[in-house]
PDB file of N, CA and C in Angstrom:
ATOM      1  N   UNK A   1      81.549  78.097  85.436  1.00  0.00           N
ATOM      2  CA  UNK A   1      81.543  78.987  86.578  1.00  0.00           C
ATOM      3  C   UNK A   1      81.964  78.213  87.817  1.00  0.00           C
ATOM      4  N   UNK A   2      82.879  78.740  88.537  1.00  0.00           N
ATOM      5  CA  UNK A   2      83.362  78.095  89.744  1.00  0.00           C
ATOM      6  C   UNK A   2      82.394  78.352  90.897  1.00  0.00           C
ATOM      7  N   UNK A   3      82.242  77.359  91.741  1.00  0.00           N
ATOM      8  CA  UNK A   3      81.347  77.457  92.884  1.00  0.00           C
ATOM      9  C   UNK A   3      82.004  78.155  94.061  1.00  0.00           C
ATOM     10  N   UNK A   4      81.201  78.841  94.838  1.00  0.00           N
ATOM     11  CA  UNK A   4      81.667  79.370  96.113  1.00  0.00           C
ATOM     12  C   UNK A   4      81.156  78.415  97.179  1.00  0.00           C
ATOM     13  N   UNK A   5      82.077  77.693  97.813  1.00  0.00           N
ATOM     14  CA  UNK A   5      81.735  76.675  98.798  1.00  0.00           C
ATOM     15  C   UNK A   5      82.272  77.099 100.159  1.00  0.00           C
ATOM     16  N   UNK A   6      81.435  76.952 101.182  1.00  0.00           N
ATOM     17  CA  UNK A   6      81.833  77.234 102.560  1.00  0.00           C
ATOM     18  C   UNK A   6      81.958  75.918 103.307  1.00  0.00           C
ATOM     19  N   UNK A   7      83.153  75.651 103.841  1.00  0.00           N
ATOM     20  CA  UNK A   7      83.358  74.432 104.623  1.00  0.00           C
ATOM     21  C   UNK A   7      83.040  74.722 106.085  1.00  0.00           C
ATOM     22  N   UNK A   8      82.103  73.966 106.639  1.00  0.00           N
ATOM     23  CA  UNK A   8      81.717  74.114 108.043  1.00  0.00           C
ATOM     24  C   UNK A   8      82.484  73.132 108.924  1.00  0.00           C
ATOM     25  N   UNK A   9      82.694  71.931 108.412  1.00  0.00           N
ATOM     26  CA  UNK A   9      83.527  70.905 109.050  1.00  0.00           C
ATOM     27  C   UNK A   9      84.219  70.166 107.910  1.00  0.00           C
ATOM     28  N   UNK A  10      85.180  69.314 108.194  1.00  0.00           N
ATOM     29  CA  UNK A  10      85.799  68.551 107.104  1.00  0.00           C
ATOM     30  C   UNK A  10      84.803  67.662 106.347  1.00  0.00           C
ATOM     31  N   UNK A  11      83.662  67.351 106.968  1.00  0.00           N
ATOM     32  CA  UNK A  11      82.679  66.476 106.333  1.00  0.00           C
ATOM     33  C   UNK A  11      81.426  67.173 105.838  1.00  0.00           C
ATOM     34  N   UNK A  12      81.320  68.501 106.015  1.00  0.00           N
ATOM     35  CA  UNK A  12      80.103  69.200 105.606  1.00  0.00           C
ATOM     36  C   UNK A  12      80.408  70.606 105.117  1.00  0.00           C
ATOM     37  N   UNK A  13      79.903  70.888 103.906  1.00  0.00           N
ATOM     38  CA  UNK A  13      80.058  72.214 103.299  1.00  0.00           C
ATOM     39  C   UNK A  13      78.732  72.639 102.695  1.00  0.00           C
ATOM     40  N   UNK A  14      78.616  73.935 102.417  1.00  0.00           N
ATOM     41  CA  UNK A  14      77.414  74.458 101.783  1.00  0.00           C
ATOM     42  C   UNK A  14      77.784  75.312 100.579  1.00  0.00           C
ATOM     43  N   UNK A  15      76.799  75.460  99.703  1.00  0.00           N
ATOM     44  CA  UNK A  15      76.955  76.298  98.517  1.00  0.00           C
ATOM     45  C   UNK A  15      75.600  76.892  98.173  1.00  0.00           C
ATOM     46  N   UNK A  16      75.641  77.946  97.375  1.00  0.00           N
ATOM     47  CA  UNK A  16      74.412  78.470  96.807  1.00  0.00           C
ATOM     48  C   UNK A  16      73.938  77.533  95.706  1.00  0.00           C
ATOM     49  N   UNK A  17      72.915  77.954  94.995  1.00  0.00           N
ATOM     50  CA  UNK A  17      72.314  77.114  93.952  1.00  0.00           C
ATOM     51  C   UNK A  17      73.374  76.528  93.023  1.00  0.00           C
ATOM     52  N   UNK A  18      73.309  75.219  92.832  1.00  0.00           N
ATOM     53  CA  UNK A  18      74.186  74.553  91.878  1.00  0.00           C
ATOM     54  C   UNK A  18      73.374  74.152  90.658  1.00  0.00           C
ATOM     55  N   UNK A  19      74.074  73.765  89.609  1.00  0.00           N
ATOM     56  CA  UNK A  19      73.426  73.265  88.400  1.00  0.00           C
ATOM     57  C   UNK A  19      74.038  71.913  88.054  1.00  0.00           C
ATOM     58  N   UNK A  20      73.439  71.237  87.104  1.00  0.00           N
ATOM     59  CA  UNK A  20      73.994  69.947  86.680  1.00  0.00           C
ATOM     60  C   UNK A  20      75.386  70.132  86.084  1.00  0.00           C
ATOM     61  N   UNK A  21      75.685  71.314  85.561  1.00  0.00           N
ATOM     62  CA  UNK A  21      77.007  71.591  85.004  1.00  0.00           C
ATOM     63  C   UNK A  21      78.087  71.679  86.087  1.00  0.00           C
ATOM     64  N   UNK A  22      77.696  71.893  87.342  1.00  0.00           N
ATOM     65  CA  UNK A  22      78.655  71.966  88.458  1.00  0.00           C
ATOM     66  C   UNK A  22      79.041  70.605  89.017  1.00  0.00           C
ATOM     67  N   UNK A  23      78.340  69.564  88.619  1.00  0.00           N
ATOM     68  CA  UNK A  23      78.502  68.259  89.264  1.00  0.00           C
ATOM     69  C   UNK A  23      79.912  67.699  89.117  1.00  0.00           C
ATOM     70  N   UNK A  24      80.514  67.803  87.957  1.00  0.00           N
ATOM     71  CA  UNK A  24      81.866  67.250  87.800  1.00  0.00           C
ATOM     72  C   UNK A  24      82.855  67.994  88.694  1.00  0.00           C
ATOM     73  N   UNK A  25      82.708  69.308  88.835  1.00  0.00           N
ATOM     74  CA  UNK A  25      83.573  70.074  89.733  1.00  0.00           C
ATOM     75  C   UNK A  25      83.384  69.608  91.180  1.00  0.00           C
ATOM     76  N   UNK A  26      82.138  69.400  91.572  1.00  0.00           N
ATOM     77  CA  UNK A  26      81.839  68.940  92.935  1.00  0.00           C
ATOM     78  C   UNK A  26      82.473  67.574  93.184  1.00  0.00           C
ATOM     79  N   UNK A  27      82.337  66.683  92.226  1.00  0.00           N
ATOM     80  CA  UNK A  27      82.946  65.350  92.354  1.00  0.00           C
ATOM     81  C   UNK A  27      84.468  65.457  92.415  1.00  0.00           C
ATOM     82  N   UNK A  28      85.045  66.297  91.577  1.00  0.00           N
ATOM     83  CA  UNK A  28      86.505  66.468  91.560  1.00  0.00           C
ATOM     84  C   UNK A  28      87.041  67.059  92.863  1.00  0.00           C
ATOM     85  N   UNK A  29      86.207  67.797  93.575  1.00  0.00           N
ATOM     86  CA  UNK A  29      86.605  68.357  94.868  1.00  0.00           C
ATOM     87  C   UNK A  29      86.540  67.314  95.986  1.00  0.00           C
ATOM     88  N   UNK A  30      86.019  66.135  95.665  1.00  0.00           N
ATOM     89  CA  UNK A  30      86.013  65.039  96.630  1.00  0.00           C
ATOM     90  C   UNK A  30      84.715  64.811  97.374  1.00  0.00           C
ATOM     91  N   UNK A  31      83.692  65.580  97.067  1.00  0.00           N
ATOM     92  CA  UNK A  31      82.406  65.364  97.737  1.00  0.00           C
ATOM     93  C   UNK A  31      81.817  64.038  97.283  1.00  0.00           C
ATOM     94  N   UNK A  32      81.132  63.360  98.202  1.00  0.00           N
ATOM     95  CA  UNK A  32      80.532  62.066  97.898  1.00  0.00           C
ATOM     96  C   UNK A  32      79.011  62.128  97.905  1.00  0.00           C
ATOM     97  N   UNK A  33      78.460  63.171  98.540  1.00  0.00           N
ATOM     98  CA  UNK A  33      77.008  63.319  98.642  1.00  0.00           C
ATOM     99  C   UNK A  33      76.630  64.778  98.442  1.00  0.00           C
ATOM    100  N   UNK A  34      75.497  64.983  97.762  1.00  0.00           N
ATOM    101  CA  UNK A  34      74.895  66.308  97.612  1.00  0.00           C
ATOM    102  C   UNK A  34      73.509  66.247  98.244  1.00  0.00           C
ATOM    103  N   UNK A  35      73.194  67.263  99.041  1.00  0.00           N
ATOM    104  CA  UNK A  35      71.847  67.389  99.606  1.00  0.00           C
ATOM    105  C   UNK A  35      71.248  68.695  99.103  1.00  0.00           C
ATOM    106  N   UNK A  36      70.111  68.595  98.435  1.00  0.00           N
ATOM    107  CA  UNK A  36      69.403  69.767  97.937  1.00  0.00           C
ATOM    108  C   UNK A  36      68.376  70.237  98.952  1.00  0.00           C
ATOM    109  N   UNK A  37      68.528  71.467  99.439  1.00  0.00           N
ATOM    110  CA  UNK A  37      67.598  72.027 100.416  1.00  0.00           C
ATOM    111  C   UNK A  37      66.694  73.107  99.829  1.00  0.00           C
ATOM    112  N   UNK A  38      66.814  73.365  98.540  1.00  0.00           N
ATOM    113  CA  UNK A  38      65.995  74.419  97.933  1.00  0.00           C
ATOM    114  C   UNK A  38      64.792  73.792  97.231  1.00  0.00           C
ATOM    115  N   UNK A  39      63.576  74.213  97.594  1.00  0.00           N
ATOM    116  CA  UNK A  39      62.399  73.678  96.910  1.00  0.00           C
ATOM    117  C   UNK A  39      62.422  74.023  95.421  1.00  0.00           C
ATOM    118  N   UNK A  40      62.004  73.068  94.597  1.00  0.00           N
ATOM    119  CA  UNK A  40      61.893  73.328  93.166  1.00  0.00           C
ATOM    120  C   UNK A  40      60.974  74.523  92.925  1.00  0.00           C
ATOM    121  N   UNK A  41      61.328  75.328  91.938  1.00  0.00           N
ATOM    122  CA  UNK A  41      60.566  76.484  91.466  1.00  0.00           C
ATOM    123  C   UNK A  41      60.493  77.643  92.463  1.00  0.00           C
ATOM    124  N   UNK A  42      61.221  77.552  93.567  1.00  0.00           N
ATOM    125  CA  UNK A  42      61.258  78.659  94.522  1.00  0.00           C
ATOM    126  C   UNK A  42      61.734  79.943  93.831  1.00  0.00           C
ATOM    127  N   UNK A  43      62.679  79.803  92.918  1.00  0.00           N
ATOM    128  CA  UNK A  43      63.233  80.950  92.214  1.00  0.00           C
ATOM    129  C   UNK A  43      62.651  81.147  90.827  1.00  0.00           C
ATOM    130  N   UNK A  44      61.533  80.495  90.550  1.00  0.00           N
ATOM    131  CA  UNK A  44      60.915  80.612  89.244  1.00  0.00           C
ATOM    132  C   UNK A  44      61.372  79.517  88.297  1.00  0.00           C
ATOM    133  N   UNK A  45      60.916  79.604  87.079  1.00  0.00           N
ATOM    134  CA  UNK A  45      61.173  78.542  86.101  1.00  0.00           C
ATOM    135  C   UNK A  45      62.623  78.479  85.634  1.00  0.00           C
ATOM    136  N   UNK A  46      63.416  79.526  85.891  1.00  0.00           N
ATOM    137  CA  UNK A  46      64.828  79.511  85.496  1.00  0.00           C
ATOM    138  C   UNK A  46      65.686  78.714  86.475  1.00  0.00           C
ATOM    139  N   UNK A  47      65.161  78.430  87.670  1.00  0.00           N
ATOM    140  CA  UNK A  47      65.916  77.685  88.682  1.00  0.00           C
ATOM    141  C   UNK A  47      66.137  76.247  88.218  1.00  0.00           C
ATOM    142  N   UNK A  48      67.356  75.739  88.335  1.00  0.00           N
ATOM    143  CA  UNK A  48      67.613  74.339  87.984  1.00  0.00           C
ATOM    144  C   UNK A  48      66.750  73.407  88.842  1.00  0.00           C
ATOM    145  N   UNK A  49      66.190  72.385  88.214  1.00  0.00           N
ATOM    146  CA  UNK A  49      65.323  71.450  88.919  1.00  0.00           C
ATOM    147  C   UNK A  49      66.143  70.383  89.631  1.00  0.00           C
ATOM    148  N   UNK A  50      65.668  70.007  90.793  1.00  0.00           N
ATOM    149  CA  UNK A  50      66.334  68.998  91.607  1.00  0.00           C
ATOM    150  C   UNK A  50      66.550  67.709  90.829  1.00  0.00           C
ATOM    151  N   UNK A  51      65.567  67.267  90.060  1.00  0.00           N
ATOM    152  CA  UNK A  51      65.686  65.998  89.332  1.00  0.00           C
ATOM    153  C   UNK A  51      66.851  66.020  88.349  1.00  0.00           C
ATOM    154  N   UNK A  52      67.086  67.152  87.698  1.00  0.00           N
ATOM    155  CA  UNK A  52      68.200  67.263  86.751  1.00  0.00           C
ATOM    156  C   UNK A  52      69.541  67.216  87.472  1.00  0.00           C
ATOM    157  N   UNK A  53      69.622  67.880  88.620  1.00  0.00           N
ATOM    158  CA  UNK A  53      70.858  67.862  89.409  1.00  0.00           C
ATOM    159  C   UNK A  53      71.104  66.456  89.944  1.00  0.00           C
ATOM    160  N   UNK A  54      70.049  65.825  90.439  1.00  0.00           N
ATOM    161  CA  UNK A  54      70.173  64.460  90.965  1.00  0.00           C
ATOM    162  C   UNK A  54      70.640  63.491  89.878  1.00  0.00           C
ATOM    163  N   UNK A  55      70.063  63.592  88.703  1.00  0.00           N
ATOM    164  CA  UNK A  55      70.444  62.710  87.590  1.00  0.00           C
ATOM    165  C   UNK A  55      71.928  62.869  87.262  1.00  0.00           C
ATOM    166  N   UNK A  56      72.396  64.107  87.190  1.00  0.00           N
ATOM    167  CA  UNK A  56      73.811  64.365  86.890  1.00  0.00           C
ATOM    168  C   UNK A  56      74.709  63.840  88.005  1.00  0.00           C
ATOM    169  N   UNK A  57      74.280  64.006  89.256  1.00  0.00           N
ATOM    170  CA  UNK A  57      75.077  63.531  90.395  1.00  0.00           C
ATOM    171  C   UNK A  57      75.194  62.009  90.375  1.00  0.00           C
ATOM    172  N   UNK A  58      74.086  61.339  90.187  1.00  0.00           N
ATOM    173  CA  UNK A  58      74.096  59.876  90.170  1.00  0.00           C
ATOM    174  C   UNK A  58      74.927  59.342  89.011  1.00  0.00           C
ATOM    175  N   UNK A  59      74.930  60.062  87.889  1.00  0.00           N
ATOM    176  CA  UNK A  59      75.683  59.626  86.706  1.00  0.00           C
ATOM    177  C   UNK A  59      77.183  59.582  86.950  1.00  0.00           C
ATOM    178  N   UNK A  60      77.676  60.385  87.891  1.00  0.00           N
ATOM    179  CA  UNK A  60      79.116  60.374  88.191  1.00  0.00           C
ATOM    180  C   UNK A  60      79.419  59.661  89.508  1.00  0.00           C
ATOM    181  N   UNK A  61      78.420  58.959  90.040  1.00  0.00           N
ATOM    182  CA  UNK A  61      78.641  58.148  91.229  1.00  0.00           C
ATOM    183  C   UNK A  61      78.456  58.842  92.562  1.00  0.00           C
ATOM    184  N   UNK A  62      77.908  60.051  92.546  1.00  0.00           N
ATOM    185  CA  UNK A  62      77.632  60.746  93.807  1.00  0.00           C
ATOM    186  C   UNK A  62      76.280  60.303  94.362  1.00  0.00           C
ATOM    187  N   UNK A  63      76.124  60.407  95.660  1.00  0.00           N
ATOM    188  CA  UNK A  63      74.831  60.180  96.301  1.00  0.00           C
ATOM    189  C   UNK A  63      74.094  61.513  96.310  1.00  0.00           C
ATOM    190  N   UNK A  64      72.764  61.434  96.334  1.00  0.00           N
ATOM    191  CA  UNK A  64      71.960  62.657  96.317  1.00  0.00           C
ATOM    192  C   UNK A  64      70.747  62.473  97.210  1.00  0.00           C
ATOM    193  N   UNK A  65      70.428  63.501  97.980  1.00  0.00           N
ATOM    194  CA  UNK A  65      69.203  63.522  98.781  1.00  0.00           C
ATOM    195  C   UNK A  65      68.531  64.873  98.587  1.00  0.00           C
ATOM    196  N   UNK A  66      67.215  64.855  98.610  1.00  0.00           N
ATOM    197  CA  UNK A  66      66.436  66.079  98.437  1.00  0.00           C
ATOM    198  C   UNK A  66      65.622  66.310  99.703  1.00  0.00           C
ATOM    199  N   UNK A  67      65.946  67.367 100.414  1.00  0.00           N
ATOM    200  CA  UNK A  67      65.224  67.759 101.622  1.00  0.00           C
ATOM    201  C   UNK A  67      64.914  69.250 101.511  1.00  0.00           C
ATOM    202  N   UNK A  68      63.842  69.585 100.775  1.00  0.00           N
ATOM    203  CA  UNK A  68      63.521  70.999 100.587  1.00  0.00           C
ATOM    204  C   UNK A  68      63.012  71.642 101.870  1.00  0.00           C
ATOM    205  N   UNK A  69      63.536  72.820 102.164  1.00  0.00           N
ATOM    206  CA  UNK A  69      63.072  73.589 103.321  1.00  0.00           C
ATOM    207  C   UNK A  69      62.820  75.029 102.880  1.00  0.00           C
ATOM    208  N   UNK A  70      61.809  75.616 103.472  1.00  0.00           N
ATOM    209  CA  UNK A  70      61.470  77.003 103.160  1.00  0.00           C
ATOM    210  C   UNK A  70      62.289  77.914 104.066  1.00  0.00           C
ATOM    211  N   UNK A  71      62.893  78.907 103.474  1.00  0.00           N
ATOM    212  CA  UNK A  71      63.737  79.845 104.223  1.00  0.00           C
ATOM    213  C   UNK A  71      62.965  80.455 105.386  1.00  0.00           C
ATOM    214  N   UNK A  72      63.574  80.403 106.580  1.00  0.00           N
ATOM    215  CA  UNK A  72      62.953  80.969 107.761  1.00  0.00           C
ATOM    216  C   UNK A  72      61.861  80.113 108.371  1.00  0.00           C
ATOM    217  N   UNK A  73      61.627  78.912 107.803  1.00  0.00           N
ATOM    218  CA  UNK A  73      60.551  78.053 108.299  1.00  0.00           C
ATOM    219  C   UNK A  73      61.029  76.618 108.509  1.00  0.00           C
ATOM    220  N   UNK A  74      62.247  76.448 108.968  1.00  0.00           N
ATOM    221  CA  UNK A  74      62.793  75.111 109.199  1.00  0.00           C
ATOM    222  C   UNK A  74      62.058  74.479 110.377  1.00  0.00           C
ATOM    223  N   UNK A  75      61.588  73.240 110.175  1.00  0.00           N
ATOM    224  CA  UNK A  75      60.853  72.536 111.224  1.00  0.00           C
ATOM    225  C   UNK A  75      61.762  71.547 111.954  1.00  0.00           C
ATOM    226  N   UNK A  76      61.321  71.135 113.128  1.00  0.00           N
ATOM    227  CA  UNK A  76      62.071  70.127 113.890  1.00  0.00           C
ATOM    228  C   UNK A  76      62.174  68.825 113.095  1.00  0.00           C
ATOM    229  N   UNK A  77      61.104  68.437 112.409  1.00  0.00           N
ATOM    230  CA  UNK A  77      61.148  67.212 111.602  1.00  0.00           C
ATOM    231  C   UNK A  77      62.214  67.308 110.513  1.00  0.00           C
ATOM    232  N   UNK A  78      62.354  68.475 109.903  1.00  0.00           N
ATOM    233  CA  UNK A  78      63.387  68.656 108.882  1.00  0.00           C
ATOM    234  C   UNK A  78      64.779  68.572 109.493  1.00  0.00           C
ATOM    235  N   UNK A  79      64.952  69.115 110.685  1.00  0.00           N
ATOM    236  CA  UNK A  79      66.246  69.025 111.371  1.00  0.00           C
ATOM    237  C   UNK A  79      66.569  67.561 111.660  1.00  0.00           C
ATOM    238  N   UNK A  80      65.587  66.817 112.143  1.00  0.00           N
ATOM    239  CA  UNK A  80      65.799  65.397 112.434  1.00  0.00           C
ATOM    240  C   UNK A  80      66.099  64.608 111.165  1.00  0.00           C
ATOM    241  N   UNK A  81      65.404  64.925 110.077  1.00  0.00           N
ATOM    242  CA  UNK A  81      65.663  64.241 108.808  1.00  0.00           C
ATOM    243  C   UNK A  81      67.059  64.568 108.278  1.00  0.00           C
ATOM    244  N   UNK A  82      67.456  65.830 108.390  1.00  0.00           N
ATOM    245  CA  UNK A  82      68.802  66.218 107.958  1.00  0.00           C
ATOM    246  C   UNK A  82      69.849  65.491 108.792  1.00  0.00           C
ATOM    247  N   UNK A  83      69.628  65.405 110.094  1.00  0.00           N
ATOM    248  CA  UNK A  83      70.570  64.702 110.973  1.00  0.00           C
ATOM    249  C   UNK A  83      70.692  63.237 110.558  1.00  0.00           C
ATOM    250  N   UNK A  84      69.570  62.613 110.220  1.00  0.00           N
ATOM    251  CA  UNK A  84      69.596  61.217 109.781  1.00  0.00           C
ATOM    252  C   UNK A  84      70.353  61.074 108.465  1.00  0.00           C
ATOM    253  N   UNK A  85      70.125  61.990 107.531  1.00  0.00           N
ATOM    254  CA  UNK A  85      70.846  61.946 106.254  1.00  0.00           C
ATOM    255  C   UNK A  85      72.345  62.089 106.480  1.00  0.00           C
ATOM    256  N   UNK A  86      72.727  63.009 107.338  1.00  0.00           N
ATOM    257  CA  UNK A  86      74.151  63.233 107.599  1.00  0.00           C
ATOM    258  C   UNK A  86      74.789  62.028 108.277  1.00  0.00           C
ATOM    259  N   UNK A  87      74.012  61.295 109.029  1.00  0.00           N
ATOM    260  CA  UNK A  87      74.513  60.088 109.682  1.00  0.00           C
ATOM    261  C   UNK A  87      74.688  58.950 108.669  1.00  0.00           C
ATOM    262  N   UNK A  88      73.739  58.835 107.731  1.00  0.00           N
ATOM    263  CA  UNK A  88      73.671  57.692 106.819  1.00  0.00           C
ATOM    264  C   UNK A  88      74.516  57.839 105.554  1.00  0.00           C
ATOM    265  N   UNK A  89      74.555  59.025 104.995  1.00  0.00           N
ATOM    266  CA  UNK A  89      75.138  59.198 103.662  1.00  0.00           C
ATOM    267  C   UNK A  89      76.656  59.334 103.710  1.00  0.00           C
ATOM    268  N   UNK A  90      77.321  58.923 102.615  1.00  0.00           N
ATOM    269  CA  UNK A  90      78.789  59.044 102.558  1.00  0.00           C
ATOM    270  C   UNK A  90      79.239  60.502 102.648  1.00  0.00           C
ATOM    271  N   UNK A  91      80.351  60.697 103.270  1.00  0.00           N
ATOM    272  CA  UNK A  91      80.927  62.023 103.470  1.00  0.00           C
ATOM    273  C   UNK A  91      82.202  62.163 102.656  1.00  0.00           C
ATOM    274  N   UNK A  92      82.573  63.362 102.335  1.00  0.00           N
ATOM    275  CA  UNK A  92      81.979  64.643 102.718  1.00  0.00           C
ATOM    276  C   UNK A  92      80.704  64.959 101.939  1.00  0.00           C
ATOM    277  N   UNK A  93      79.887  65.817 102.555  1.00  0.00           N
ATOM    278  CA  UNK A  93      78.585  66.215 102.028  1.00  0.00           C
ATOM    279  C   UNK A  93      78.634  67.686 101.626  1.00  0.00           C
ATOM    280  N   UNK A  94      78.014  67.992 100.479  1.00  0.00           N
ATOM    281  CA  UNK A  94      77.791  69.378 100.060  1.00  0.00           C
ATOM    282  C   UNK A  94      76.286  69.592 100.010  1.00  0.00           C
ATOM    283  N   UNK A  95      75.782  70.525 100.803  1.00  0.00           N
ATOM    284  CA  UNK A  95      74.363  70.876 100.779  1.00  0.00           C
ATOM    285  C   UNK A  95      74.218  72.238 100.107  1.00  0.00           C
ATOM    286  N   UNK A  96      73.124  72.400  99.369  1.00  0.00           N
ATOM    287  CA  UNK A  96      72.910  73.677  98.683  1.00  0.00           C
ATOM    288  C   UNK A  96      71.475  74.157  98.851  1.00  0.00           C
ATOM    289  N   UNK A  97      71.319  75.463  98.719  1.00  0.00           N
ATOM    290  CA  UNK A  97      70.020  76.128  98.647  1.00  0.00           C
ATOM    291  C   UNK A  97      70.236  77.364  97.762  1.00  0.00           C
ATOM    292  N   UNK A  98      69.463  78.410  97.931  1.00  0.00           N
ATOM    293  CA  UNK A  98      69.651  79.581  97.070  1.00  0.00           C
ATOM    294  C   UNK A  98      71.004  80.233  97.315  1.00  0.00           C
ATOM    295  N   UNK A  99      71.320  80.488  98.601  1.00  0.00           N
ATOM    296  CA  UNK A  99      72.571  81.183  98.917  1.00  0.00           C
ATOM    297  C   UNK A  99      73.547  80.346  99.735  1.00  0.00           C
ATOM    298  N   UNK A 100      73.079  79.240 100.278  1.00  0.00           N
ATOM    299  CA  UNK A 100      73.876  78.418 101.185  1.00  0.00           C
ATOM    300  C   UNK A 100      73.527  78.649 102.643  1.00  0.00           C
ATOM    301  N   UNK A 101      72.885  79.767 102.958  1.00  0.00           N
ATOM    302  CA  UNK A 101      72.576  80.113 104.350  1.00  0.00           C
ATOM    303  C   UNK A 101      71.566  79.156 104.975  1.00  0.00           C
ATOM    304  N   UNK A 102      70.537  78.807 104.238  1.00  0.00           N
ATOM    305  CA  UNK A 102      69.507  77.905 104.762  1.00  0.00           C
ATOM    306  C   UNK A 102      70.093  76.533 105.074  1.00  0.00           C
ATOM    307  N   UNK A 103      70.927  76.031 104.158  1.00  0.00           N
ATOM    308  CA  UNK A 103      71.595  74.743 104.389  1.00  0.00           C
ATOM    309  C   UNK A 103      72.512  74.824 105.603  1.00  0.00           C
ATOM    310  N   UNK A 104      73.209  75.941 105.752  1.00  0.00           N
ATOM    311  CA  UNK A 104      74.091  76.127 106.912  1.00  0.00           C
ATOM    312  C   UNK A 104      73.283  76.172 108.200  1.00  0.00           C
ATOM    313  N   UNK A 105      72.168  76.901 108.190  1.00  0.00           N
ATOM    314  CA  UNK A 105      71.315  76.968 109.380  1.00  0.00           C
ATOM    315  C   UNK A 105      70.789  75.590 109.753  1.00  0.00           C
ATOM    316  N   UNK A 106      70.357  74.842 108.758  1.00  0.00           N
ATOM    317  CA  UNK A 106      69.853  73.491 108.993  1.00  0.00           C
ATOM    318  C   UNK A 106      70.944  72.614 109.603  1.00  0.00           C
ATOM    319  N   UNK A 107      72.148  72.708 109.071  1.00  0.00           N
ATOM    320  CA  UNK A 107      73.269  71.935 109.606  1.00  0.00           C
ATOM    321  C   UNK A 107      73.550  72.312 111.062  1.00  0.00           C
ATOM    322  N   UNK A 108      73.606  73.592 111.350  1.00  0.00           N
ATOM    323  CA  UNK A 108      73.902  74.031 112.715  1.00  0.00           C
ATOM    324  C   UNK A 108      72.817  73.578 113.693  1.00  0.00           C
ATOM    325  N   UNK A 109      71.572  73.531 113.235  1.00  0.00           N
ATOM    326  CA  UNK A 109      70.501  73.008 114.085  1.00  0.00           C
ATOM    327  C   UNK A 109      70.690  71.515 114.351  1.00  0.00           C
ATOM    328  N   UNK A 110      71.187  70.767 113.370  1.00  0.00           N
ATOM    329  CA  UNK A 110      71.439  69.336 113.608  1.00  0.00           C
ATOM    330  C   UNK A 110      72.537  69.158 114.645  1.00  0.00           C
ATOM    331  N   UNK A 111      73.500  70.053 114.647  1.00  0.00           N
ATOM    332  CA  UNK A 111      74.595  69.955 115.609  1.00  0.00           C
ATOM    333  C   UNK A 111      74.116  70.222 117.034  1.00  0.00           C
ATOM    334  N   UNK A 112      73.091  71.037 117.169  1.00  0.00           N
ATOM    335  CA  UNK A 112      72.537  71.319 118.495  1.00  0.00           C
ATOM    336  C   UNK A 112      71.803  70.117 119.076  1.00  0.00           C
ATOM    337  N   UNK A 113      71.342  69.207 118.216  1.00  0.00           N
ATOM    338  CA  UNK A 113      70.666  68.001 118.695  1.00  0.00           C
ATOM    339  C   UNK A 113      71.596  67.146 119.537  1.00  0.00           C
ATOM    340  N   UNK A 114      72.850  67.065 119.107  1.00  0.00           N
ATOM    341  CA  UNK A 114      73.798  66.197 119.803  1.00  0.00           C
ATOM    342  C   UNK A 114      74.619  66.949 120.845  1.00  0.00           C
ATOM    343  N   UNK A 115      74.477  68.256 120.883  1.00  0.00           N
ATOM    344  CA  UNK A 115      75.278  69.045 121.807  1.00  0.00           C
ATOM    345  C   UNK A 115      74.475  69.459 122.960  1.00  0.00           C
TER     346      UNK A 115
END
């Protein structure tokens, strides 16, 4: 299954829930880092677990960070942590959550810190 990815800047994009099976496609698209913003089990037991996605990402040489945020409840500390991750980790970055909206909101909040 092909991913629907939204590019926000040349160095940052978002997607809905990914699986370990999507990792090779993500790597082939040139992404160097994946950030998971969806808490494990938020969508029930059928939701892919962060550890499985991280393992697959690391196996192909991608960087991975896990910063779970609850939809509609993003905190300032999470915004600051996301900003630090975006500063430190190799780019381009693909962040994911259930639909991509939460990751996009988190990214836009990080941009307001410097603007």
